[in-house]
PDB file of N, CA and C in Angstrom:
ATOM      1  N   UNK A   1      50.164  17.323 101.554  1.00  0.00           N
ATOM      2  CA  UNK A   1      49.312  16.939 102.648  1.00  0.00           C
ATOM      3  C   UNK A   1      48.734  18.156 103.359  1.00  0.00           C
ATOM      4  N   UNK A   2      49.491  19.266 103.398  1.00  0.00           N
ATOM      5  CA  UNK A   2      49.004  20.473 104.069  1.00  0.00           C
ATOM      6  C   UNK A   2      47.787  21.035 103.339  1.00  0.00           C
ATOM      7  N   UNK A   3      47.805  20.989 102.019  1.00  0.00           N
ATOM      8  CA  UNK A   3      46.680  21.504 101.231  1.00  0.00           C
ATOM      9  C   UNK A   3      45.407  20.731 101.565  1.00  0.00           C
ATOM     10  N   UNK A   4      45.470  19.419 101.472  1.00  0.00           N
ATOM     11  CA  UNK A   4      44.292  18.594 101.737  1.00  0.00           C
ATOM     12  C   UNK A   4      43.823  18.752 103.181  1.00  0.00           C
ATOM     13  N   UNK A   5      44.754  18.781 104.109  1.00  0.00           N
ATOM     14  CA  UNK A   5      44.410  18.935 105.518  1.00  0.00           C
ATOM     15  C   UNK A   5      43.732  20.291 105.757  1.00  0.00           C
ATOM     16  N   UNK A   6      44.301  21.351 105.190  1.00  0.00           N
ATOM     17  CA  UNK A   6      43.738  22.679 105.388  1.00  0.00           C
ATOM     18  C   UNK A   6      42.311  22.795 104.875  1.00  0.00           C
ATOM     19  N   UNK A   7      42.056  22.274 103.692  1.00  0.00           N
ATOM     20  CA  UNK A   7      40.707  22.339 103.128  1.00  0.00           C
ATOM     21  C   UNK A   7      39.756  21.416 103.890  1.00  0.00           C
ATOM     22  N   UNK A   8      40.229  20.255 104.298  1.00  0.00           N
ATOM     23  CA  UNK A   8      39.378  19.341 105.073  1.00  0.00           C
ATOM     24  C   UNK A   8      38.993  19.960 106.403  1.00  0.00           C
ATOM     25  N   UNK A   9      39.931  20.613 107.054  1.00  0.00           N
ATOM     26  CA  UNK A   9      39.657  21.246 108.341  1.00  0.00           C
ATOM     27  C   UNK A   9      38.605  22.353 108.225  1.00  0.00           C
ATOM     28  N   UNK A  10      38.469  22.922 107.028  1.00  0.00           N
ATOM     29  CA  UNK A  10      37.474  23.974 106.806  1.00  0.00           C
ATOM     30  C   UNK A  10      36.149  23.408 106.303  1.00  0.00           C
ATOM     31  N   UNK A  11      36.024  22.071 106.333  1.00  0.00           N
ATOM     32  CA  UNK A  11      34.761  21.437 105.982  1.00  0.00           C
ATOM     33  C   UNK A  11      34.607  21.037 104.526  1.00  0.00           C
ATOM     34  N   UNK A  12      35.647  21.220 103.734  1.00  0.00           N
ATOM     35  CA  UNK A  12      35.587  20.864 102.308  1.00  0.00           C
ATOM     36  C   UNK A  12      35.968  19.405 102.125  1.00  0.00           C
ATOM     37  N   UNK A  13      35.643  18.866 100.969  1.00  0.00           N
ATOM     38  CA  UNK A  13      36.038  17.516 100.593  1.00  0.00           C
ATOM     39  C   UNK A  13      37.010  17.640  99.414  1.00  0.00           C
ATOM     40  N   UNK A  14      38.272  17.974  99.695  1.00  0.00           N
ATOM     41  CA  UNK A  14      39.219  18.233  98.608  1.00  0.00           C
ATOM     42  C   UNK A  14      39.636  16.961  97.893  1.00  0.00           C
ATOM     43  N   UNK A  15      39.887  17.095  96.607  1.00  0.00           N
ATOM     44  CA  UNK A  15      40.427  15.968  95.846  1.00  0.00           C
ATOM     45  C   UNK A  15      41.359  16.493  94.775  1.00  0.00           C
ATOM     46  N   UNK A  16      42.330  15.704  94.449  1.00  0.00           N
ATOM     47  CA  UNK A  16      43.291  16.048  93.417  1.00  0.00           C
ATOM     48  C   UNK A  16      42.748  15.528  92.086  1.00  0.00           C
ATOM     49  N   UNK A  17      42.633  16.430  91.130  1.00  0.00           N
ATOM     50  CA  UNK A  17      42.118  16.054  89.809  1.00  0.00           C
ATOM     51  C   UNK A  17      43.269  15.674  88.892  1.00  0.00           C
ATOM     52  N   UNK A  18      42.958  14.909  87.864  1.00  0.00           N
ATOM     53  CA  UNK A  18      43.988  14.459  86.931  1.00  0.00           C
ATOM     54  C   UNK A  18      43.486  14.559  85.495  1.00  0.00           C
ATOM     55  N   UNK A  19      44.361  14.215  84.589  1.00  0.00           N
ATOM     56  CA  UNK A  19      43.993  14.185  83.167  1.00  0.00           C
ATOM     57  C   UNK A  19      42.827  13.223  82.948  1.00  0.00           C
ATOM     58  N   UNK A  20      42.795  12.138  83.716  1.00  0.00           N
ATOM     59  CA  UNK A  20      41.692  11.173  83.576  1.00  0.00           C
ATOM     60  C   UNK A  20      40.347  11.833  83.853  1.00  0.00           C
ATOM     61  N   UNK A  21      40.314  12.773  84.792  1.00  0.00           N
ATOM     62  CA  UNK A  21      39.069  13.499  85.051  1.00  0.00           C
ATOM     63  C   UNK A  21      38.693  14.349  83.834  1.00  0.00           C
ATOM     64  N   UNK A  22      39.667  15.044  83.263  1.00  0.00           N
ATOM     65  CA  UNK A  22      39.405  15.879  82.084  1.00  0.00           C
ATOM     66  C   UNK A  22      38.902  15.036  80.913  1.00  0.00           C
ATOM     67  N   UNK A  23      39.413  13.824  80.782  1.00  0.00           N
ATOM     68  CA  UNK A  23      39.026  12.948  79.676  1.00  0.00           C
ATOM     69  C   UNK A  23      37.567  12.513  79.745  1.00  0.00           C
ATOM     70  N   UNK A  24      36.899  12.745  80.855  1.00  0.00           N
ATOM     71  CA  UNK A  24      35.493  12.380  80.994  1.00  0.00           C
ATOM     72  C   UNK A  24      34.570  13.325  80.226  1.00  0.00           C
ATOM     73  N   UNK A  25      35.056  14.484  79.842  1.00  0.00           N
ATOM     74  CA  UNK A  25      34.232  15.423  79.081  1.00  0.00           C
ATOM     75  C   UNK A  25      34.001  14.906  77.672  1.00  0.00           C
ATOM     76  N   UNK A  26      32.807  15.112  77.183  1.00  0.00           N
ATOM     77  CA  UNK A  26      32.466  14.634  75.844  1.00  0.00           C
ATOM     78  C   UNK A  26      33.358  15.219  74.766  1.00  0.00           C
ATOM     79  N   UNK A  27      33.752  16.481  74.911  1.00  0.00           N
ATOM     80  CA  UNK A  27      34.527  17.139  73.865  1.00  0.00           C
ATOM     81  C   UNK A  27      36.037  17.155  74.136  1.00  0.00           C
ATOM     82  N   UNK A  28      36.503  16.282  75.010  1.00  0.00           N
ATOM     83  CA  UNK A  28      37.922  16.251  75.361  1.00  0.00           C
ATOM     84  C   UNK A  28      38.807  16.064  74.123  1.00  0.00           C
ATOM     85  N   UNK A  29      38.509  15.080  73.294  1.00  0.00           N
ATOM     86  CA  UNK A  29      39.345  14.809  72.110  1.00  0.00           C
ATOM     87  C   UNK A  29      39.359  15.999  71.153  1.00  0.00           C
ATOM     88  N   UNK A  30      38.216  16.626  70.986  1.00  0.00           N
ATOM     89  CA  UNK A  30      38.125  17.796  70.099  1.00  0.00           C
ATOM     90  C   UNK A  30      38.986  18.941  70.639  1.00  0.00           C
ATOM     91  N   UNK A  31      38.926  19.145  71.933  1.00  0.00           N
ATOM     92  CA  UNK A  31      39.734  20.193  72.559  1.00  0.00           C
ATOM     93  C   UNK A  31      41.211  19.883  72.387  1.00  0.00           C
ATOM     94  N   UNK A  32      41.611  18.654  72.640  1.00  0.00           N
ATOM     95  CA  UNK A  32      43.021  18.281  72.500  1.00  0.00           C
ATOM     96  C   UNK A  32      43.490  18.420  71.061  1.00  0.00           C
ATOM     97  N   UNK A  33      42.648  18.038  70.102  1.00  0.00           N
ATOM     98  CA  UNK A  33      42.998  18.225  68.690  1.00  0.00           C
ATOM     99  C   UNK A  33      43.232  19.700  68.383  1.00  0.00           C
ATOM    100  N   UNK A  34      42.376  20.549  68.910  1.00  0.00           N
ATOM    101  CA  UNK A  34      42.530  21.994  68.686  1.00  0.00           C
ATOM    102  C   UNK A  34      43.819  22.517  69.307  1.00  0.00           C
ATOM    103  N   UNK A  35      44.131  22.048  70.500  1.00  0.00           N
ATOM    104  CA  UNK A  35      45.368  22.479  71.156  1.00  0.00           C
ATOM    105  C   UNK A  35      46.581  22.030  70.349  1.00  0.00           C
ATOM    106  N   UNK A  36      46.562  20.794  69.874  1.00  0.00           N
ATOM    107  CA  UNK A  36      47.714  20.285  69.117  1.00  0.00           C
ATOM    108  C   UNK A  36      47.859  20.979  67.766  1.00  0.00           C
ATOM    109  N   UNK A  37      46.784  21.475  67.206  1.00  0.00           N
ATOM    110  CA  UNK A  37      46.860  22.213  65.942  1.00  0.00           C
ATOM    111  C   UNK A  37      47.543  23.564  66.107  1.00  0.00           C
ATOM    112  N   UNK A  38      47.703  24.020  67.332  1.00  0.00           N
ATOM    113  CA  UNK A  38      48.400  25.281  67.568  1.00  0.00           C
ATOM    114  C   UNK A  38      49.898  25.151  67.312  1.00  0.00           C
ATOM    115  N   UNK A  39      50.360  23.925  67.146  1.00  0.00           N
ATOM    116  CA  UNK A  39      51.776  23.654  66.871  1.00  0.00           C
ATOM    117  C   UNK A  39      52.705  24.257  67.921  1.00  0.00           C
ATOM    118  N   UNK A  40      52.332  24.106  69.169  1.00  0.00           N
ATOM    119  CA  UNK A  40      53.213  24.543  70.235  1.00  0.00           C
ATOM    120  C   UNK A  40      54.461  23.682  70.220  1.00  0.00           C
ATOM    121  N   UNK A  41      55.565  24.226  70.658  1.00  0.00           N
ATOM    122  CA  UNK A  41      56.777  23.401  70.712  1.00  0.00           C
ATOM    123  C   UNK A  41      56.581  22.233  71.668  1.00  0.00           C
ATOM    124  N   UNK A  42      57.258  21.164  71.382  1.00  0.00           N
ATOM    125  CA  UNK A  42      57.180  19.976  72.240  1.00  0.00           C
ATOM    126  C   UNK A  42      58.243  20.103  73.333  1.00  0.00           C
ATOM    127  N   UNK A  43      57.887  20.816  74.386  1.00  0.00           N
ATOM    128  CA  UNK A  43      58.810  20.964  75.507  1.00  0.00           C
ATOM    129  C   UNK A  43      58.019  21.018  76.809  1.00  0.00           C
ATOM    130  N   UNK A  44      58.733  21.075  77.918  1.00  0.00           N
ATOM    131  CA  UNK A  44      58.070  21.037  79.227  1.00  0.00           C
ATOM    132  C   UNK A  44      57.206  22.263  79.465  1.00  0.00           C
ATOM    133  N   UNK A  45      57.609  23.413  78.960  1.00  0.00           N
ATOM    134  CA  UNK A  45      56.815  24.627  79.155  1.00  0.00           C
ATOM    135  C   UNK A  45      55.460  24.517  78.453  1.00  0.00           C
ATOM    136  N   UNK A  46      55.460  24.005  77.230  1.00  0.00           N
ATOM    137  CA  UNK A  46      54.205  23.832  76.496  1.00  0.00           C
ATOM    138  C   UNK A  46      53.320  22.793  77.181  1.00  0.00           C
ATOM    139  N   UNK A  47      53.910  21.706  77.649  1.00  0.00           N
ATOM    140  CA  UNK A  47      53.144  20.674  78.357  1.00  0.00           C
ATOM    141  C   UNK A  47      52.531  21.254  79.634  1.00  0.00           C
ATOM    142  N   UNK A  48      53.281  22.095  80.313  1.00  0.00           N
ATOM    143  CA  UNK A  48      52.767  22.745  81.520  1.00  0.00           C
ATOM    144  C   UNK A  48      51.551  23.616  81.188  1.00  0.00           C
ATOM    145  N   UNK A  49      51.604  24.359  80.094  1.00  0.00           N
ATOM    146  CA  UNK A  49      50.470  25.198  79.687  1.00  0.00           C
ATOM    147  C   UNK A  49      49.247  24.350  79.357  1.00  0.00           C
ATOM    148  N   UNK A  50      49.461  23.254  78.666  1.00  0.00           N
ATOM    149  CA  UNK A  50      48.346  22.354  78.332  1.00  0.00           C
ATOM    150  C   UNK A  50      47.710  21.809  79.609  1.00  0.00           C
ATOM    151  N   UNK A  51      48.531  21.404  80.554  1.00  0.00           N
ATOM    152  CA  UNK A  51      48.001  20.883  81.818  1.00  0.00           C
ATOM    153  C   UNK A  51      47.231  21.952  82.590  1.00  0.00           C
ATOM    154  N   UNK A  52      47.663  23.197  82.486  1.00  0.00           N
ATOM    155  CA  UNK A  52      46.937  24.283  83.157  1.00  0.00           C
ATOM    156  C   UNK A  52      45.533  24.421  82.567  1.00  0.00           C
ATOM    157  N   UNK A  53      45.393  24.267  81.263  1.00  0.00           N
ATOM    158  CA  UNK A  53      44.064  24.305  80.649  1.00  0.00           C
ATOM    159  C   UNK A  53      43.246  23.075  81.040  1.00  0.00           C
ATOM    160  N   UNK A  54      43.888  21.926  81.044  1.00  0.00           N
ATOM    161  CA  UNK A  54      43.165  20.683  81.330  1.00  0.00           C
ATOM    162  C   UNK A  54      42.566  20.658  82.727  1.00  0.00           C
ATOM    163  N   UNK A  55      43.153  21.363  83.658  1.00  0.00           N
ATOM    164  CA  UNK A  55      42.582  21.347  85.004  1.00  0.00           C
ATOM    165  C   UNK A  55      41.191  21.947  85.024  1.00  0.00           C
ATOM    166  N   UNK A  56      40.933  22.916  84.148  1.00  0.00           N
ATOM    167  CA  UNK A  56      39.589  23.496  84.092  1.00  0.00           C
ATOM    168  C   UNK A  56      38.594  22.518  83.484  1.00  0.00           C
ATOM    169  N   UNK A  57      39.042  21.733  82.531  1.00  0.00           N
ATOM    170  CA  UNK A  57      38.181  20.694  81.966  1.00  0.00           C
ATOM    171  C   UNK A  57      37.908  19.611  83.007  1.00  0.00           C
ATOM    172  N   UNK A  58      38.929  19.270  83.793  1.00  0.00           N
ATOM    173  CA  UNK A  58      38.736  18.281  84.860  1.00  0.00           C
ATOM    174  C   UNK A  58      37.727  18.796  85.880  1.00  0.00           C
ATOM    175  N   UNK A  59      37.836  20.077  86.214  1.00  0.00           N
ATOM    176  CA  UNK A  59      36.891  20.666  87.159  1.00  0.00           C
ATOM    177  C   UNK A  59      35.466  20.570  86.627  1.00  0.00           C
ATOM    178  N   UNK A  60      35.277  20.886  85.348  1.00  0.00           N
ATOM    179  CA  UNK A  60      33.942  20.809  84.749  1.00  0.00           C
ATOM    180  C   UNK A  60      33.448  19.367  84.707  1.00  0.00           C
ATOM    181  N   UNK A  61      34.346  18.432  84.421  1.00  0.00           N
ATOM    182  CA  UNK A  61      33.945  17.029  84.295  1.00  0.00           C
ATOM    183  C   UNK A  61      33.426  16.461  85.613  1.00  0.00           C
ATOM    184  N   UNK A  62      33.985  16.917  86.721  1.00  0.00           N
ATOM    185  CA  UNK A  62      33.548  16.409  88.023  1.00  0.00           C
ATOM    186  C   UNK A  62      32.517  17.339  88.663  1.00  0.00           C
ATOM    187  N   UNK A  63      32.062  18.300  87.881  1.00  0.00           N
ATOM    188  CA  UNK A  63      31.067  19.282  88.333  1.00  0.00           C
ATOM    189  C   UNK A  63      31.512  19.986  89.606  1.00  0.00           C
ATOM    190  N   UNK A  64      32.804  20.364  89.604  1.00  0.00           N
ATOM    191  CA  UNK A  64      33.340  21.110  90.733  1.00  0.00           C
ATOM    192  C   UNK A  64      32.896  22.558  90.701  1.00  0.00           C
ATOM    193  N   UNK A  65      33.000  23.196  91.831  1.00  0.00           N
ATOM    194  CA  UNK A  65      32.640  24.611  91.927  1.00  0.00           C
ATOM    195  C   UNK A  65      33.853  25.483  92.218  1.00  0.00           C
ATOM    196  N   UNK A  66      34.876  24.902  92.819  1.00  0.00           N
ATOM    197  CA  UNK A  66      36.089  25.644  93.152  1.00  0.00           C
ATOM    198  C   UNK A  66      37.295  24.810  92.779  1.00  0.00           C
ATOM    199  N   UNK A  67      38.353  25.500  92.348  1.00  0.00           N
ATOM    200  CA  UNK A  67      39.619  24.822  92.083  1.00  0.00           C
ATOM    201  C   UNK A  67      40.722  25.732  92.611  1.00  0.00           C
ATOM    202  N   UNK A  68      41.726  25.122  93.229  1.00  0.00           N
ATOM    203  CA  UNK A  68      42.817  25.904  93.805  1.00  0.00           C
ATOM    204  C   UNK A  68      44.166  25.357  93.361  1.00  0.00           C
ATOM    205  N   UNK A  69      45.163  26.190  93.526  1.00  0.00           N
ATOM    206  CA  UNK A  69      46.536  25.747  93.393  1.00  0.00           C
ATOM    207  C   UNK A  69      46.876  24.937  94.638  1.00  0.00           C
ATOM    208  N   UNK A  70      47.900  24.131  94.549  1.00  0.00           N
ATOM    209  CA  UNK A  70      48.290  23.279  95.673  1.00  0.00           C
ATOM    210  C   UNK A  70      48.779  24.078  96.869  1.00  0.00           C
ATOM    211  N   UNK A  71      49.123  25.349  96.661  1.00  0.00           N
ATOM    212  CA  UNK A  71      49.635  26.160  97.766  1.00  0.00           C
ATOM    213  C   UNK A  71      48.620  27.202  98.257  1.00  0.00           C
ATOM    214  N   UNK A  72      47.355  27.044  97.881  1.00  0.00           N
ATOM    215  CA  UNK A  72      46.307  27.958  98.325  1.00  0.00           C
ATOM    216  C   UNK A  72      45.505  27.286  99.429  1.00  0.00           C
ATOM    217  N   UNK A  73      45.423  27.955 100.563  1.00  0.00           N
ATOM    218  CA  UNK A  73      44.711  27.413 101.717  1.00  0.00           C
ATOM    219  C   UNK A  73      43.489  28.282 102.037  1.00  0.00           C
ATOM    220  N   UNK A  74      42.459  27.697 102.635  1.00  0.00           N
ATOM    221  CA  UNK A  74      41.199  28.402 102.894  1.00  0.00           C
ATOM    222  C   UNK A  74      41.216  29.179 104.213  1.00  0.00           C
ATOM    223  N   UNK A  75      41.981  30.200 104.294  1.00  0.00           N
ATOM    224  CA  UNK A  75      42.146  30.915 105.560  1.00  0.00           C
ATOM    225  C   UNK A  75      40.812  31.344 106.185  1.00  0.00           C
ATOM    226  N   UNK A  76      39.902  31.835 105.405  1.00  0.00           N
ATOM    227  CA  UNK A  76      38.600  32.294 105.923  1.00  0.00           C
ATOM    228  C   UNK A  76      37.483  31.799 105.016  1.00  0.00           C
ATOM    229  N   UNK A  77      37.601  30.604 104.491  1.00  0.00           N
ATOM    230  CA  UNK A  77      36.654  30.122 103.494  1.00  0.00           C
ATOM    231  C   UNK A  77      36.077  28.778 103.921  1.00  0.00           C
ATOM    232  N   UNK A  78      35.075  28.820 104.753  1.00  0.00           N
ATOM    233  CA  UNK A  78      34.481  27.578 105.242  1.00  0.00           C
ATOM    234  C   UNK A  78      33.512  27.008 104.207  1.00  0.00           C
ATOM    235  N   UNK A  79      33.446  25.705 104.164  1.00  0.00           N
ATOM    236  CA  UNK A  79      32.503  25.048 103.259  1.00  0.00           C
ATOM    237  C   UNK A  79      31.071  25.410 103.630  1.00  0.00           C
ATOM    238  N   UNK A  80      30.834  25.560 104.919  1.00  0.00           N
ATOM    239  CA  UNK A  80      29.485  25.900 105.387  1.00  0.00           C
ATOM    240  C   UNK A  80      28.986  27.191 104.723  1.00  0.00           C
ATOM    241  N   UNK A  81      29.878  28.139 104.544  1.00  0.00           N
ATOM    242  CA  UNK A  81      29.484  29.436 103.980  1.00  0.00           C
ATOM    243  C   UNK A  81      29.517  29.459 102.451  1.00  0.00           C
ATOM    244  N   UNK A  82      30.457  28.729 101.831  1.00  0.00           N
ATOM    245  CA  UNK A  82      30.692  28.880 100.399  1.00  0.00           C
ATOM    246  C   UNK A  82      30.346  27.682  99.525  1.00  0.00           C
ATOM    247  N   UNK A  83      30.254  26.477 100.080  1.00  0.00           N
ATOM    248  CA  UNK A  83      29.968  25.298  99.252  1.00  0.00           C
ATOM    249  C   UNK A  83      28.579  25.420  98.627  1.00  0.00           C
ATOM    250  N   UNK A  84      28.470  24.978  97.400  1.00  0.00           N
ATOM    251  CA  UNK A  84      27.219  25.006  96.639  1.00  0.00           C
ATOM    252  C   UNK A  84      26.704  26.421  96.390  1.00  0.00           C
ATOM    253  N   UNK A  85      27.568  27.415  96.581  1.00  0.00           N
ATOM    254  CA  UNK A  85      27.168  28.807  96.363  1.00  0.00           C
ATOM    255  C   UNK A  85      28.294  29.578  95.686  1.00  0.00           C
ATOM    256  N   UNK A  86      28.731  29.167  94.492  1.00  0.00           N
ATOM    257  CA  UNK A  86      29.809  29.935  93.868  1.00  0.00           C
ATOM    258  C   UNK A  86      29.344  31.358  93.572  1.00  0.00           C
ATOM    259  N   UNK A  87      30.226  32.330  93.719  1.00  0.00           N
ATOM    260  CA  UNK A  87      29.844  33.719  93.483  1.00  0.00           C
ATOM    261  C   UNK A  87      29.518  33.993  92.012  1.00  0.00           C
ATOM    262  N   UNK A  88      28.920  35.127  91.776  1.00  0.00           N
ATOM    263  CA  UNK A  88      28.621  35.600  90.417  1.00  0.00           C
ATOM    264  C   UNK A  88      27.755  34.624  89.635  1.00  0.00           C
ATOM    265  N   UNK A  89      26.794  34.031  90.310  1.00  0.00           N
ATOM    266  CA  UNK A  89      25.845  33.098  89.674  1.00  0.00           C
ATOM    267  C   UNK A  89      26.531  31.934  88.977  1.00  0.00           C
ATOM    268  N   UNK A  90      27.686  31.549  89.442  1.00  0.00           N
ATOM    269  CA  UNK A  90      28.400  30.419  88.867  1.00  0.00           C
ATOM    270  C   UNK A  90      29.270  30.771  87.680  1.00  0.00           C
ATOM    271  N   UNK A  91      29.301  32.057  87.264  1.00  0.00           N
ATOM    272  CA  UNK A  91      30.218  32.449  86.190  1.00  0.00           C
ATOM    273  C   UNK A  91      31.650  32.268  86.677  1.00  0.00           C
ATOM    274  N   UNK A  92      32.553  31.960  85.771  1.00  0.00           N
ATOM    275  CA  UNK A  92      33.949  31.751  86.144  1.00  0.00           C
ATOM    276  C   UNK A  92      34.486  33.024  86.794  1.00  0.00           C
ATOM    277  N   UNK A  93      35.068  32.851  87.977  1.00  0.00           N
ATOM    278  CA  UNK A  93      35.593  33.976  88.750  1.00  0.00           C
ATOM    279  C   UNK A  93      36.950  33.592  89.305  1.00  0.00           C
ATOM    280  N   UNK A  94      37.946  34.446  89.091  1.00  0.00           N
ATOM    281  CA  UNK A  94      39.257  34.225  89.704  1.00  0.00           C
ATOM    282  C   UNK A  94      39.407  35.176  90.879  1.00  0.00           C
ATOM    283  N   UNK A  95      40.156  34.746  91.869  1.00  0.00           N
ATOM    284  CA  UNK A  95      40.300  35.525  93.080  1.00  0.00           C
ATOM    285  C   UNK A  95      41.694  36.110  93.251  1.00  0.00           C
ATOM    286  N   UNK A  96      42.567  35.886  92.301  1.00  0.00           N
ATOM    287  CA  UNK A  96      43.895  36.490  92.298  1.00  0.00           C
ATOM    288  C   UNK A  96      44.168  36.988  90.881  1.00  0.00           C
ATOM    289  N   UNK A  97      44.983  38.013  90.753  1.00  0.00           N
ATOM    290  CA  UNK A  97      45.188  38.641  89.448  1.00  0.00           C
ATOM    291  C   UNK A  97      46.047  37.829  88.480  1.00  0.00           C
ATOM    292  N   UNK A  98      47.241  37.434  88.877  1.00  0.00           N
ATOM    293  CA  UNK A  98      48.171  36.803  87.948  1.00  0.00           C
ATOM    294  C   UNK A  98      47.892  35.305  87.769  1.00  0.00           C
ATOM    295  N   UNK A  99      48.120  34.562  88.794  1.00  0.00           N
ATOM    296  CA  UNK A  99      47.899  33.125  88.748  1.00  0.00           C
ATOM    297  C   UNK A  99      46.598  32.857  89.503  1.00  0.00           C
ATOM    298  N   UNK A 100      45.638  32.219  88.859  1.00  0.00           N
ATOM    299  CA  UNK A 100      44.383  31.971  89.567  1.00  0.00           C
ATOM    300  C   UNK A 100      44.547  30.897  90.645  1.00  0.00           C
ATOM    301  N   UNK A 101      45.029  31.323  91.811  1.00  0.00           N
ATOM    302  CA  UNK A 101      45.219  30.402  92.923  1.00  0.00           C
ATOM    303  C   UNK A 101      43.926  29.833  93.425  1.00  0.00           C
ATOM    304  N   UNK A 102      42.829  30.577  93.202  1.00  0.00           N
ATOM    305  CA  UNK A 102      41.500  30.123  93.572  1.00  0.00           C
ATOM    306  C   UNK A 102      40.551  30.581  92.480  1.00  0.00           C
ATOM    307  N   UNK A 103      39.794  29.658  91.938  1.00  0.00           N
ATOM    308  CA  UNK A 103      38.866  29.942  90.852  1.00  0.00           C
ATOM    309  C   UNK A 103      37.555  29.254  91.160  1.00  0.00           C
ATOM    310  N   UNK A 104      36.447  29.932  90.859  1.00  0.00           N
ATOM    311  CA  UNK A 104      35.154  29.314  91.048  1.00  0.00           C
ATOM    312  C   UNK A 104      34.370  29.370  89.748  1.00  0.00           C
ATOM    313  N   UNK A 105      33.375  28.518  89.648  1.00  0.00           N
ATOM    314  CA  UNK A 105      32.500  28.488  88.479  1.00  0.00           C
ATOM    315  C   UNK A 105      31.732  27.199  88.466  1.00  0.00           C
ATOM    316  N   UNK A 106      30.688  27.172  87.703  1.00  0.00           N
ATOM    317  CA  UNK A 106      29.933  25.936  87.550  1.00  0.00           C
ATOM    318  C   UNK A 106      29.703  25.688  86.080  1.00  0.00           C
ATOM    319  N   UNK A 107      29.695  24.414  85.708  1.00  0.00           N
ATOM    320  CA  UNK A 107      29.563  24.084  84.294  1.00  0.00           C
ATOM    321  C   UNK A 107      28.108  24.202  83.882  1.00  0.00           C
TER     322      UNK A 107
END
């Protein structure tokens, strides 16, 4: 609730994306087939990695411009200043080095 509240207070319209959002992409099945051909082990760690990739497909499917981790808050990032204006001409951009807590891009 803190994540949604924080982004809403900064003027954003946050929403939680799911696998169903990713499935809206035309090439979803092809991507999943390719991932399964990698023969990753069937365990929670592999499923977690797959879900990390799927969130980017979900973002593209809903034509999002920004995606964050659940623990990333918009301390100085108002929608008025940044919405509809992703940096780097919409090229995929991460704002943290290790885990992309905040990522922007346009499909």
